[in-house]
Amino acid sequence: MISFRLVVYNLEMCSFSIFAILCKRIKDENLSIWFVYLIKYIIFVVIKKIVLAICLVYAFNLLASGLKVFIPINVITVSVVASLGMSGLLALVAIYFVLL
């Protein structure tokens, strides 16, 4: 049985496509269980970041409504806040003040 750390190391170091590597590994070893857990974890983290980004932008809009500052909730703003966090939200506010 190969450890999970070795599988991740092999995936990071290989220059082939990830799908081809995973197909080969799953055929060679019984790693489908680890692969499923890894994919579930990645999907969970991405969905959690997107939901928290939407909540953060919405909360900012509620708190800053008195200052006449509005950051629209769309795909671009949510992806910026999901990837950069609070600094992404502050960057969007700075862009709002510079452009408007």
C-alpha atoms as a PDB file:
ATOM      1  CA  MET A   1       0.000   0.000   0.000  1.00  0.00           C
ATOM      2  CA  ILE A   2       1.453   3.347  -1.023  1.00  0.00           C
ATOM      3  CA  SER A   3       1.098   6.192   1.440  1.00  0.00           C
ATOM      4  CA  PHE A   4      -0.993   9.237   0.571  1.00  0.00           C
ATOM      5  CA  ARG A   5       2.050  11.528   0.850  1.00  0.00           C
ATOM      6  CA  LEU A   6       3.866   9.539  -1.835  1.00  0.00           C
ATOM      7  CA  VAL A   7       0.872   9.757  -4.159  1.00  0.00           C
ATOM      8  CA  VAL A   8       0.659  13.540  -3.750  1.00  0.00           C
ATOM      9  CA  TYR A   9       4.415  13.858  -4.281  1.00  0.00           C
ATOM     10  CA  ASN A  10       4.194  11.800  -7.483  1.00  0.00           C
ATOM     11  CA  LEU A  11       1.347  13.966  -8.757  1.00  0.00           C
ATOM     12  CA  GLU A  12       3.238  17.195  -8.089  1.00  0.00           C
ATOM     13  CA  MET A  13       6.493  16.062  -9.665  1.00  0.00           C
ATOM     14  CA  CYS A  14       5.124  14.588 -12.875  1.00  0.00           C
ATOM     15  CA  SER A  15       4.968  16.650 -16.061  1.00  0.00           C
ATOM     16  CA  PHE A  16       2.132  14.654 -17.655  1.00  0.00           C
ATOM     17  CA  SER A  17      -1.520  15.531 -17.372  1.00  0.00           C
ATOM     18  CA  ILE A  18      -3.009  14.828 -13.976  1.00  0.00           C
ATOM     19  CA  PHE A  19      -5.835  12.783 -15.448  1.00  0.00           C
ATOM     20  CA  ALA A  20      -3.453  10.401 -17.227  1.00  0.00           C
ATOM     21  CA  ILE A  21      -1.385   9.968 -14.080  1.00  0.00           C
ATOM     22  CA  LEU A  22      -4.411   9.269 -11.938  1.00  0.00           C
ATOM     23  CA  CYS A  23      -5.804   6.761 -14.417  1.00  0.00           C
ATOM     24  CA  LYS A  24      -2.473   4.933 -14.479  1.00  0.00           C
ATOM     25  CA  ARG A  25      -2.158   5.003 -10.679  1.00  0.00           C
ATOM     26  CA  ILE A  26      -5.693   3.782 -10.122  1.00  0.00           C
ATOM     27  CA  LYS A  27      -5.107   0.882 -12.514  1.00  0.00           C
ATOM     28  CA  ASP A  28      -1.767   0.024 -10.912  1.00  0.00           C
ATOM     29  CA  GLU A  29      -2.797   0.394  -7.285  1.00  0.00           C
ATOM     30  CA  ASN A  30      -6.045   0.544  -5.401  1.00  0.00           C
ATOM     31  CA  LEU A  31      -5.895   4.315  -4.914  1.00  0.00           C
ATOM     32  CA  SER A  32      -9.409   5.140  -6.013  1.00  0.00           C
ATOM     33  CA  ILE A  33     -10.475   5.647  -2.410  1.00  0.00           C
ATOM     34  CA  TRP A  34      -7.741   8.240  -1.808  1.00  0.00           C
ATOM     35  CA  PHE A  35      -8.561   9.937  -5.087  1.00  0.00           C
ATOM     36  CA  VAL A  36     -12.249  10.207  -4.173  1.00  0.00           C
ATOM     37  CA  TYR A  37     -11.406  11.663  -0.757  1.00  0.00           C
ATOM     38  CA  LEU A  38      -8.992  14.143  -2.321  1.00  0.00           C
ATOM     39  CA  ILE A  39     -11.534  15.314  -4.896  1.00  0.00           C
ATOM     40  CA  LYS A  40     -14.262  15.585  -2.244  1.00  0.00           C
ATOM     41  CA  TYR A  41     -11.959  17.657  -0.056  1.00  0.00           C
ATOM     42  CA  ILE A  42     -11.011  19.989  -2.911  1.00  0.00           C
ATOM     43  CA  ILE A  43     -14.650  20.467  -3.923  1.00  0.00           C
ATOM     44  CA  PHE A  44     -15.627  21.127  -0.293  1.00  0.00           C
ATOM     45  CA  VAL A  45     -12.896  23.751   0.136  1.00  0.00           C
ATOM     46  CA  VAL A  46     -13.796  25.531  -3.105  1.00  0.00           C
ATOM     47  CA  ILE A  47     -17.519  25.618  -2.295  1.00  0.00           C
ATOM     48  CA  LYS A  48     -16.780  26.823   1.235  1.00  0.00           C
ATOM     49  CA  LYS A  49     -14.599  29.659  -0.075  1.00  0.00           C
ATOM     50  CA  ILE A  50     -17.248  30.716  -2.590  1.00  0.00           C
ATOM     51  CA  VAL A  51     -20.028  30.753   0.030  1.00  0.00           C
ATOM     52  CA  LEU A  52     -17.884  32.691   2.489  1.00  0.00           C
ATOM     53  CA  ALA A  53     -16.933  35.181  -0.234  1.00  0.00           C
ATOM     54  CA  ILE A  54     -20.588  35.791  -1.071  1.00  0.00           C
ATOM     55  CA  CYS A  55     -21.381  36.293   2.620  1.00  0.00           C
ATOM     56  CA  LEU A  56     -18.419  38.634   3.044  1.00  0.00           C
ATOM     57  CA  VAL A  57     -19.380  40.822   0.089  1.00  0.00           C
ATOM     58  CA  TYR A  58     -23.006  40.883   1.235  1.00  0.00           C
ATOM     59  CA  ALA A  59     -22.017  41.814   4.805  1.00  0.00           C
ATOM     60  CA  PHE A  60     -19.758  44.567   3.506  1.00  0.00           C
ATOM     61  CA  ASN A  61     -22.595  45.943   1.388  1.00  0.00           C
ATOM     62  CA  LEU A  62     -24.871  45.976   4.441  1.00  0.00           C
ATOM     63  CA  LEU A  63     -22.289  47.697   6.633  1.00  0.00           C
ATOM     64  CA  ALA A  64     -21.155  50.234   4.050  1.00  0.00           C
ATOM     65  CA  SER A  65     -24.604  51.149   2.738  1.00  0.00           C
ATOM     66  CA  GLY A  66     -24.509  54.379   4.738  1.00  0.00           C
ATOM     67  CA  LEU A  67     -21.291  55.410   2.971  1.00  0.00           C
ATOM     68  CA  LYS A  68     -22.901  54.912  -0.459  1.00  0.00           C
ATOM     69  CA  VAL A  69     -20.368  52.184  -1.302  1.00  0.00           C
ATOM     70  CA  PHE A  70     -21.751  49.184  -3.163  1.00  0.00           C
ATOM     71  CA  ILE A  71     -19.755  46.191  -4.415  1.00  0.00           C
ATOM     72  CA  PRO A  72     -21.931  44.104  -6.750  1.00  0.00           C
ATOM     73  CA  ILE A  73     -22.149  40.394  -6.093  1.00  0.00           C
ATOM     74  CA  ASN A  74     -21.156  38.790  -9.391  1.00  0.00           C
ATOM     75  CA  VAL A  75     -18.747  36.103 -10.593  1.00  0.00           C
ATOM     76  CA  ILE A  76     -15.724  38.406 -10.789  1.00  0.00           C
ATOM     77  CA  THR A  77     -16.091  39.975  -7.340  1.00  0.00           C
ATOM     78  CA  VAL A  78     -16.859  36.634  -5.696  1.00  0.00           C
ATOM     79  CA  SER A  79     -13.857  34.981  -7.352  1.00  0.00           C
ATOM     80  CA  VAL A  80     -11.560  37.850  -6.302  1.00  0.00           C
ATOM     81  CA  VAL A  81     -12.763  37.703  -2.695  1.00  0.00           C
ATOM     82  CA  ALA A  82     -12.705  33.879  -2.644  1.00  0.00           C
ATOM     83  CA  SER A  83      -9.128  33.731  -3.879  1.00  0.00           C
ATOM     84  CA  LEU A  84      -7.668  36.745  -2.044  1.00  0.00           C
ATOM     85  CA  GLY A  85      -9.895  36.981   1.017  1.00  0.00           C
ATOM     86  CA  MET A  86     -10.246  40.223   2.943  1.00  0.00           C
ATOM     87  CA  SER A  87      -7.423  41.857   1.003  1.00  0.00           C
ATOM     88  CA  GLY A  88      -9.368  41.181  -2.204  1.00  0.00           C
ATOM     89  CA  LEU A  89     -12.413  42.904  -0.724  1.00  0.00           C
ATOM     90  CA  LEU A  90     -10.305  45.889   0.281  1.00  0.00           C
ATOM     91  CA  ALA A  91      -8.826  45.980  -3.221  1.00  0.00           C
ATOM     92  CA  LEU A  92     -12.327  46.043  -4.704  1.00  0.00           C
ATOM     93  CA  VAL A  93     -13.254  48.925  -2.398  1.00  0.00           C
ATOM     94  CA  ALA A  94     -10.096  50.793  -3.426  1.00  0.00           C
ATOM     95  CA  ILE A  95     -10.908  50.222  -7.095  1.00  0.00           C
ATOM     96  CA  TYR A  96     -14.437  51.498  -6.441  1.00  0.00           C
ATOM     97  CA  PHE A  97     -13.090  54.731  -4.952  1.00  0.00           C
ATOM     98  CA  VAL A  98     -10.455  55.240  -7.645  1.00  0.00           C
ATOM     99  CA  LEU A  99     -12.756  54.632 -10.597  1.00  0.00           C
ATOM    100  CA  LEU A 100     -15.908  56.302  -9.330  1.00  0.00           C
END
